Protein backbone atom coordinates (compact mmCIF):
# COMPACT_ATOMS: atom_id res chain seq x y z
CA MET A 1 -9.34 41.06 46.29
CA LEU A 2 -10.93 43.85 48.30
CA PRO A 3 -13.86 45.68 46.68
CA THR A 4 -12.94 48.97 45.08
CA THR A 5 -14.93 52.17 45.08
CA TRP A 6 -16.54 53.22 41.81
CA LYS A 7 -14.19 54.96 39.40
CA THR A 8 -11.48 55.55 42.01
CA GLY A 9 -9.56 52.28 42.20
CA SER A 10 -9.48 52.69 45.99
CA TYR A 11 -11.25 50.87 48.75
CA ARG A 12 -12.38 52.04 52.15
CA TYR A 13 -10.01 49.89 54.22
CA GLY A 14 -6.96 51.63 52.80
CA PHE A 15 -8.36 55.01 51.78
CA ASN A 16 -6.42 58.08 52.85
CA ALA A 17 -8.64 61.17 53.10
CA VAL A 18 -6.49 64.22 52.42
CA ILE A 19 -8.31 67.11 54.10
CA THR A 20 -7.26 70.65 54.88
CA THR A 21 -7.34 71.69 58.52
CA GLN A 22 -9.96 74.33 57.73
CA ASP A 23 -12.31 71.91 55.94
CA LEU A 24 -11.85 69.35 58.70
CA SER A 25 -12.68 71.88 61.39
CA GLU A 26 -15.51 73.72 59.64
CA TYR A 27 -17.27 70.92 57.78
CA TYR A 28 -16.24 67.36 58.57
CA LEU A 29 -15.98 67.46 62.38
CA PRO A 30 -19.00 69.52 63.59
CA SER A 31 -21.48 66.63 63.28
CA PHE A 32 -19.22 64.44 65.42
CA GLN A 33 -18.85 67.28 67.89
CA SER A 34 -22.62 67.44 68.25
CA CYS A 35 -22.75 63.74 69.08
CA TYR A 36 -19.74 63.42 71.38
CA ARG A 37 -19.55 66.79 73.10
CA ASP A 38 -23.16 67.98 73.11
CA ALA A 39 -25.25 64.78 73.14
CA LYS A 40 -22.61 62.93 75.19
CA VAL A 41 -23.03 59.58 73.48
CA GLY A 42 -21.43 56.71 75.35
CA ALA A 43 -19.12 55.29 72.69
CA ALA A 44 -17.11 56.28 69.65
CA ILE A 45 -15.86 54.23 66.71
CA CYS A 46 -12.63 54.79 64.81
CA SER A 47 -13.06 54.12 61.11
CA TYR A 48 -11.24 52.21 58.37
CA ASN A 49 -9.83 55.19 56.54
CA ALA A 50 -6.83 57.34 57.28
CA VAL A 51 -6.96 61.11 57.58
CA ASN A 52 -3.90 62.81 56.16
CA VAL A 53 -1.94 59.53 56.16
CA VAL A 54 -2.72 58.52 59.77
CA PRO A 55 -5.25 55.64 60.14
CA SER A 56 -8.19 56.74 62.29
CA CYS A 57 -7.64 54.06 64.94
CA ALA A 58 -4.04 55.26 65.37
CA ASP A 59 -4.75 58.98 65.15
CA THR A 60 -3.86 60.64 68.44
CA CYS A 61 -5.06 64.01 67.18
CA LEU A 62 -8.59 62.69 66.51
CA LEU A 63 -9.03 60.25 69.40
CA GLN A 64 -7.12 62.03 72.14
CA ASP A 65 -6.55 65.71 71.37
CA ILE A 66 -9.98 66.37 69.84
CA LEU A 67 -12.28 63.64 71.17
CA ARG A 68 -11.04 63.13 74.74
CA ASP A 69 -9.39 66.44 75.57
CA PHE A 70 -11.20 69.10 73.54
CA TRP A 71 -14.70 67.61 73.40
CA GLY A 72 -14.56 66.16 76.90
CA PHE A 73 -15.16 62.52 76.00
CA ALA A 74 -14.96 61.30 79.60
CA GLN A 75 -13.22 58.24 80.99
CA ASP A 76 -16.54 56.46 81.57
CA ARG A 77 -16.99 56.31 77.79
CA TRP A 78 -15.12 54.05 75.45
CA ILE A 79 -13.74 53.86 71.91
CA ALA A 80 -14.18 50.80 69.70
CA SER A 81 -12.77 50.09 66.28
CA ASN A 82 -14.77 49.45 63.19
CA CYS A 83 -14.54 45.75 62.49
CA ASP A 84 -10.92 44.87 61.57
CA ALA A 85 -9.97 48.55 61.35
CA ILE A 86 -7.07 47.96 63.76
CA ALA A 87 -5.72 45.21 61.50
CA ASN A 88 -5.99 47.69 58.63
CA ILE A 89 -3.45 49.93 60.35
CA TYR A 90 -0.87 47.32 59.37
CA ASP A 91 -2.46 46.15 56.14
CA PRO A 92 -3.44 47.77 53.80
CA HIS A 93 -2.45 51.16 55.25
CA ASP A 94 1.15 50.01 55.82
CA TYR A 95 1.35 52.55 58.62
CA THR A 96 3.46 50.31 60.87
CA ALA A 97 6.28 47.89 60.17
CA SER A 98 4.72 45.08 62.21
CA PRO A 99 1.29 43.95 63.43
CA GLN A 100 2.35 44.26 67.08
CA GLN A 101 3.26 47.89 66.48
CA ALA A 102 -0.17 48.44 64.90
CA VAL A 103 -2.01 47.18 68.00
CA ALA A 104 0.34 49.17 70.22
CA ASP A 105 -0.37 52.36 68.31
CA ALA A 106 -4.12 51.73 68.49
CA LEU A 107 -4.10 51.01 72.22
CA MET A 108 -1.93 54.00 73.06
CA THR A 109 -4.11 56.22 70.88
CA GLY A 110 -7.20 55.19 72.82
CA ALA A 111 -8.92 52.37 70.93
CA ASP A 112 -10.23 50.37 73.91
CA ILE A 113 -12.04 47.61 72.03
CA ASP A 114 -11.05 45.79 68.86
CA CYS A 115 -13.99 44.62 66.76
CA GLY A 116 -11.92 41.79 65.40
CA THR A 117 -9.12 39.45 66.48
CA PHE A 118 -6.03 41.63 66.04
CA TYR A 119 -5.84 42.67 69.70
CA SER A 120 -6.15 39.14 71.04
CA GLU A 121 -3.65 37.93 68.49
CA TRP A 122 -0.95 40.59 68.78
CA LEU A 123 -1.30 42.44 72.11
CA PRO A 124 0.65 39.69 73.98
CA THR A 125 3.53 40.15 71.55
CA ALA A 126 3.35 43.93 71.85
CA TYR A 127 3.47 43.62 75.64
CA SER A 128 6.37 41.16 75.64
CA GLU A 129 8.32 43.54 73.38
CA SER A 130 7.56 46.46 75.75
CA LEU A 131 5.63 48.34 73.06
CA ILE A 132 2.80 48.86 75.56
CA THR A 133 2.62 49.01 79.34
CA GLU A 134 0.37 47.40 81.90
CA THR A 135 -1.01 50.83 82.75
CA GLN A 136 -2.17 51.32 79.16
CA LEU A 137 -3.84 47.91 79.17
CA ARG A 138 -5.58 48.71 82.46
CA THR A 139 -6.83 52.03 81.07
CA ALA A 140 -8.53 50.27 78.14
CA LEU A 141 -9.89 47.64 80.51
CA THR A 142 -11.27 50.27 82.89
CA HIS A 143 -13.20 51.92 80.06
CA GLN A 144 -14.91 48.58 79.44
CA TYR A 145 -16.32 48.51 82.95
CA ALA A 146 -18.87 51.07 81.76
CA LEU A 147 -20.14 48.43 79.34
CA GLY A 148 -21.05 46.16 82.25
CA TYR A 149 -18.78 43.34 81.10
CA PHE A 150 -17.71 42.61 84.65
CA ASP A 151 -20.98 43.21 86.49
CA PRO A 152 -22.76 40.31 88.20
CA ILE A 153 -25.30 38.61 85.93
CA GLU A 154 -28.17 39.72 88.15
CA TRP A 155 -27.20 43.33 87.39
CA GLN A 156 -27.45 42.77 83.65
CA PRO A 157 -31.11 42.54 82.60
CA TYR A 158 -30.31 41.83 78.96
CA ARG A 159 -28.63 38.56 79.92
CA THR A 160 -31.97 37.29 81.17
CA TYR A 161 -33.72 38.00 77.87
CA ASN A 162 -35.24 35.03 76.05
CA TRP A 163 -37.66 34.48 73.18
CA ASN A 164 -40.52 35.84 75.27
CA LYS A 165 -38.94 39.27 74.81
CA VAL A 166 -38.93 39.01 71.02
CA ASN A 167 -41.63 40.61 68.85
CA THR A 168 -43.65 41.85 71.78
CA PRO A 169 -46.55 44.30 71.26
CA GLU A 170 -44.34 47.05 72.71
CA ALA A 171 -41.58 46.25 70.22
CA GLN A 172 -44.04 46.18 67.34
CA GLN A 173 -45.44 49.57 68.32
CA LEU A 174 -41.96 51.04 68.59
CA ALA A 175 -41.08 49.64 65.16
CA TYR A 176 -44.25 51.15 63.75
CA GLN A 177 -43.49 54.56 65.24
CA ALA A 178 -39.95 54.43 63.84
CA ALA A 179 -41.29 53.57 60.39
CA VAL A 180 -43.85 56.38 60.42
CA LYS A 181 -41.48 59.01 61.76
CA GLY A 182 -38.82 57.98 59.27
CA ILE A 183 -41.02 58.53 56.24
CA VAL A 184 -40.77 61.95 54.58
CA LEU A 185 -43.09 63.56 52.07
CA LEU A 186 -41.14 64.75 49.05
CA LYS A 187 -44.30 66.06 47.41
CA ASN A 188 -47.89 66.51 48.58
CA ASP A 189 -50.65 68.60 47.06
CA GLY A 190 -53.07 67.85 49.88
CA THR A 191 -53.97 64.34 48.78
CA LEU A 192 -52.41 62.96 51.94
CA PRO A 193 -53.99 62.28 54.30
CA LEU A 194 -56.44 60.44 52.08
CA ALA A 195 -60.10 61.21 52.51
CA SER A 196 -62.06 58.79 54.65
CA SER A 197 -64.16 58.00 51.56
CA VAL A 198 -61.20 56.12 50.06
CA LYS A 199 -61.89 52.45 50.75
CA ASN A 200 -60.19 50.56 47.94
CA ILE A 201 -56.49 51.07 47.18
CA ALA A 202 -54.48 49.40 44.42
CA PHE A 203 -50.96 48.71 45.64
CA ILE A 204 -48.78 48.32 42.54
CA GLY A 205 -45.07 48.11 41.82
CA PRO A 206 -41.96 45.98 42.43
CA TRP A 207 -42.27 46.51 46.21
CA ALA A 208 -45.98 45.69 46.33
CA ASP A 209 -45.38 42.16 47.56
CA ALA A 210 -41.91 42.65 48.99
CA THR A 211 -40.20 40.01 51.08
CA PHE A 212 -36.55 39.63 50.12
CA LYS A 213 -36.34 43.30 49.14
CA CYS A 214 -36.85 44.31 52.77
CA ARG A 215 -34.13 42.16 54.27
CA ALA A 216 -32.18 45.29 55.16
CA THR A 217 -34.55 45.39 58.15
CA LYS A 218 -37.03 42.54 58.49
CA ARG A 219 -38.94 40.24 56.21
CA VAL A 220 -42.30 41.75 55.37
CA SER A 221 -45.67 40.37 56.43
CA TYR A 222 -48.54 42.68 55.56
CA PRO A 223 -51.51 42.89 57.92
CA THR A 224 -55.01 43.23 56.56
CA SER A 225 -56.70 46.50 57.40
CA SER A 226 -60.34 46.33 58.36
CA ALA A 227 -60.83 49.84 57.01
CA LEU A 228 -59.35 49.33 53.56
CA SER A 229 -59.40 46.88 50.70
CA TRP A 230 -55.97 46.31 49.19
CA GLU A 231 -55.31 44.97 45.70
CA ARG A 232 -51.64 44.14 45.20
CA CYS A 233 -49.85 43.77 41.90
CA ALA A 234 -46.12 43.16 42.27
CA THR A 235 -44.50 44.14 38.99
CA ASP A 236 -41.77 46.35 37.61
CA THR A 237 -43.17 46.38 34.10
CA THR A 238 -46.27 47.79 32.45
CA SER A 239 -48.54 44.80 32.88
CA PRO A 240 -52.15 44.28 31.81
CA THR A 241 -52.65 42.20 34.96
CA CYS A 242 -52.52 45.45 36.95
CA SER A 243 -55.08 47.27 34.85
CA GLN A 244 -58.24 46.05 36.57
CA PRO A 245 -57.12 46.76 40.18
CA GLN A 246 -55.98 50.27 39.34
CA GLN A 247 -59.12 51.11 37.39
CA GLU A 248 -61.42 49.88 40.14
CA ALA A 249 -59.47 51.50 42.99
CA ASP A 250 -60.33 54.75 44.71
CA ALA A 251 -56.59 55.52 44.85
CA VAL A 252 -53.31 53.97 43.71
CA SER A 253 -50.14 53.57 45.74
CA TYR A 254 -47.07 52.80 43.64
CA ALA A 255 -44.34 51.00 45.59
CA GLY A 256 -40.96 51.13 43.91
CA GLY A 257 -37.50 52.63 44.01
CA ILE A 258 -34.27 50.78 44.68
CA ASP A 259 -33.38 47.75 46.73
CA LEU A 260 -30.24 45.84 47.74
CA THR A 261 -29.73 44.55 44.21
CA ILE A 262 -29.26 48.16 43.07
CA GLU A 263 -27.42 49.66 46.03
CA ALA A 264 -25.77 47.99 49.00
CA GLU A 265 -22.49 47.69 50.83
CA TYR A 266 -19.88 46.80 48.18
CA ASN A 267 -22.45 47.63 45.47
CA ASP A 268 -22.23 51.26 44.39
CA ARG A 269 -24.66 52.74 41.90
CA LEU A 270 -23.37 54.48 38.79
CA ASP A 271 -26.26 56.94 38.61
CA ILE A 272 -29.28 58.18 40.56
CA THR A 273 -31.97 57.55 37.95
CA TRP A 274 -34.98 55.32 38.65
CA PRO A 275 -33.99 51.78 37.62
CA GLY A 276 -35.60 49.85 34.82
CA ASN A 277 -38.81 51.20 33.35
CA GLN A 278 -40.40 52.23 36.63
CA LEU A 279 -41.04 55.76 35.41
CA GLU A 280 -42.93 54.35 32.42
CA LEU A 281 -45.07 52.24 34.74
CA ILE A 282 -45.78 55.27 36.95
CA ALA A 283 -46.80 57.22 33.83
CA GLU A 284 -49.25 54.46 32.91
CA LEU A 285 -50.74 54.52 36.39
CA GLN A 286 -51.20 58.27 36.49
CA ALA A 287 -52.90 58.19 33.09
CA VAL A 288 -55.86 56.33 34.68
CA GLY A 289 -56.71 59.47 36.65
CA ASN A 290 -57.05 58.08 40.17
CA PRO A 291 -55.18 59.79 43.02
CA LEU A 292 -51.65 58.38 42.85
CA VAL A 293 -49.19 58.21 45.72
CA VAL A 294 -45.62 57.13 44.98
CA ALA A 295 -43.87 55.26 47.79
CA GLN A 296 -40.17 55.62 46.99
CA SER A 297 -38.04 53.04 48.77
CA GLY A 298 -34.31 52.66 49.24
CA GLY A 299 -31.53 54.00 51.38
CA GLY A 300 -30.14 56.45 48.82
CA GLN A 301 -31.27 59.21 46.54
CA LEU A 302 -33.20 59.04 43.29
CA ASP A 303 -33.78 61.80 40.78
CA ASP A 304 -37.43 62.77 41.24
CA THR A 305 -37.32 65.72 38.86
CA MET A 306 -39.93 64.33 36.47
CA LEU A 307 -42.19 63.09 39.28
CA LYS A 308 -42.20 66.42 41.06
CA ALA A 309 -42.59 68.50 37.91
CA ASN A 310 -45.65 68.98 35.72
CA THR A 311 -44.48 66.12 33.50
CA PHE A 312 -46.51 63.80 35.71
CA MET A 313 -49.56 65.87 36.56
CA GLY A 314 -51.36 62.91 38.13
CA ILE A 315 -48.82 62.26 40.87
CA TYR A 316 -50.23 63.88 43.96
CA SER A 317 -47.78 62.75 46.62
CA ILE A 318 -44.34 61.17 46.92
CA ARG A 319 -43.33 59.41 50.14
CA TRP A 320 -39.69 58.47 50.70
CA THR A 321 -39.90 55.35 52.86
CA LYS A 322 -36.17 54.42 52.91
CA PHE A 323 -35.89 50.70 53.67
CA VAL A 324 -39.33 50.03 55.06
CA ASP A 325 -39.85 48.52 58.46
CA TYR A 326 -41.51 45.16 58.61
CA ARG A 327 -45.30 44.97 58.24
CA HIS A 328 -45.68 48.74 57.95
CA LEU A 329 -45.15 49.58 54.28
CA ASN A 330 -48.83 49.83 53.45
CA ARG A 331 -50.48 50.27 56.84
CA SER A 332 -53.34 52.70 56.50
CA MET A 333 -51.89 55.23 58.95
CA HIS A 334 -49.10 55.90 56.47
CA LEU A 335 -51.73 57.10 54.02
CA TYR A 336 -54.18 58.94 56.19
CA GLY A 337 -54.60 59.86 59.82
CA PRO A 338 -52.60 61.68 62.49
CA ASP A 339 -49.35 59.84 61.63
CA THR A 340 -49.14 61.15 58.07
CA PRO A 341 -45.43 61.84 57.40
CA VAL A 342 -44.06 65.36 57.62
CA ARG A 343 -43.19 67.50 54.64
CA VAL A 344 -39.68 67.37 53.28
CA GLU A 345 -39.12 71.04 54.10
CA ASP A 346 -40.04 70.36 57.73
CA ARG A 347 -37.61 67.52 58.33
CA HIS A 348 -34.95 66.18 56.01
CA CYS A 349 -31.27 65.45 56.44
CA LEU A 350 -30.21 64.96 52.82
CA THR A 351 -29.75 67.24 49.87
CA PHE A 352 -31.50 65.57 46.93
CA LEU A 353 -29.67 65.62 43.64
CA VAL A 354 -30.75 65.31 40.04
CA ALA A 355 -29.34 63.01 37.39
CA ARG A 356 -26.56 64.13 35.09
CA SER A 357 -28.93 65.02 32.28
CA HIS A 358 -30.51 67.66 34.50
CA LEU A 359 -27.28 69.20 35.78
CA VAL A 360 -26.30 72.73 34.91
CA ASP A 361 -23.40 72.85 32.46
CA VAL A 362 -20.78 74.06 34.91
CA SER A 363 -18.30 74.77 32.12
CA GLN A 364 -20.58 77.54 30.88
CA LEU A 365 -20.30 79.17 34.28
CA LEU A 366 -16.73 78.38 35.20
CA ASN A 367 -14.83 78.32 31.92
CA THR A 368 -13.16 74.91 31.51
CA ARG A 369 -14.13 73.38 34.83
CA PRO A 370 -15.90 69.99 34.92
CA THR A 371 -19.36 69.70 33.40
CA THR A 372 -20.60 67.03 35.82
CA SER A 373 -19.89 65.89 39.34
CA THR A 374 -18.69 62.54 38.01
CA GLU A 375 -15.61 64.23 36.55
CA ILE A 376 -14.49 65.28 40.02
CA PRO A 377 -12.88 62.31 41.77
CA MET A 378 -14.94 60.95 44.65
CA ILE A 379 -11.78 60.75 46.73
CA ASP A 380 -11.14 64.49 46.39
CA MET A 381 -12.16 65.73 49.85
CA ASN A 382 -11.51 69.43 49.18
CA LEU A 383 -14.61 71.59 49.42
CA ARG A 384 -13.37 74.88 48.04
CA PRO A 385 -13.23 75.77 44.35
CA ASN A 386 -9.91 75.22 42.64
CA ALA A 387 -8.50 74.75 39.16
CA THR A 388 -10.14 71.35 38.71
CA SER A 389 -13.31 71.67 40.80
CA PRO A 390 -16.18 74.16 41.09
CA GLY A 391 -16.43 73.28 44.78
CA ARG A 392 -18.49 70.81 46.77
CA THR A 393 -21.59 70.77 49.00
CA TYR A 394 -24.11 73.48 49.65
CA LYS A 395 -21.30 75.87 50.60
CA TRP A 396 -20.16 76.27 47.02
């Protein structure tokens, strides 16, 4: 059984996104246009879902008319499928009557590479039944020349890579820079960067001794800083074992948020509140009175209303670290120095939401329309207000 999306009964492999032409043009496509037309990225991927009944990997309008012709996606660039998305044209989309017709439609539409086995399994049949031509096969093959598949080995430096190229100082520095530049300050009253007088930091919370939690990137191995003394207490409960480190510390860094047990592929969250009793633990930490920095981890949003408001007066800074890069969660440069993360208003790509209890009662504003976003189906792609929706996104 394929995993279904929360409260919709649908799943991504067979989802049909019904979108108006105006919403598609004004809202859904511009980000792709920036990548393919303006930034001229080298490859595109057709997705699992269908748009207005037509599966993406068989959609001539998207892959040919818009991508190739209108945006100028040149012939030295190629289109690949999401893994098994070409097989999904046949099942579960039921767009074609046979698997050989599905691969024929994908190839003719412009899907050069199949991330899967459907092409190798069914293209011979499609060719023998004259559903595709040799010219169409050659076109897809020609696009793959840009990948270097057919270049001599001596022209392909990555084929000479071995373990000596793994975990080099250059790679470690690049990983560190990516981690620092990816962190965003959601709140800062001037505490960060920490004063040079801060020498002892208590590192407390469920991520304080993370290993498995960070497997979205790498396993974590914390280096010891010569400039700081770290006291770690890995807990997600109010624990007396953490009392002494936090009381003796010059500052406290709380490491918490969500991990892959809370949110992951095939594992949707039902709300955006902080899990467990983490807020209670943060309240206990701020009651001590030391400068407190919250390191919020996870790939998705959490409701930080209470942390950012006066409810928690002792929380001086909140850093959103996403899924932290290996070894760099508690490196001192994240806390003070020239690499201190930027403010949220300076660089952020998401609109942060609040939990349902903090939402405005929409029905008071719009008569009988839904009171919460959860009452509007997730699979409703319409942006504009209508009889059942107050509208979606920042536009409405």
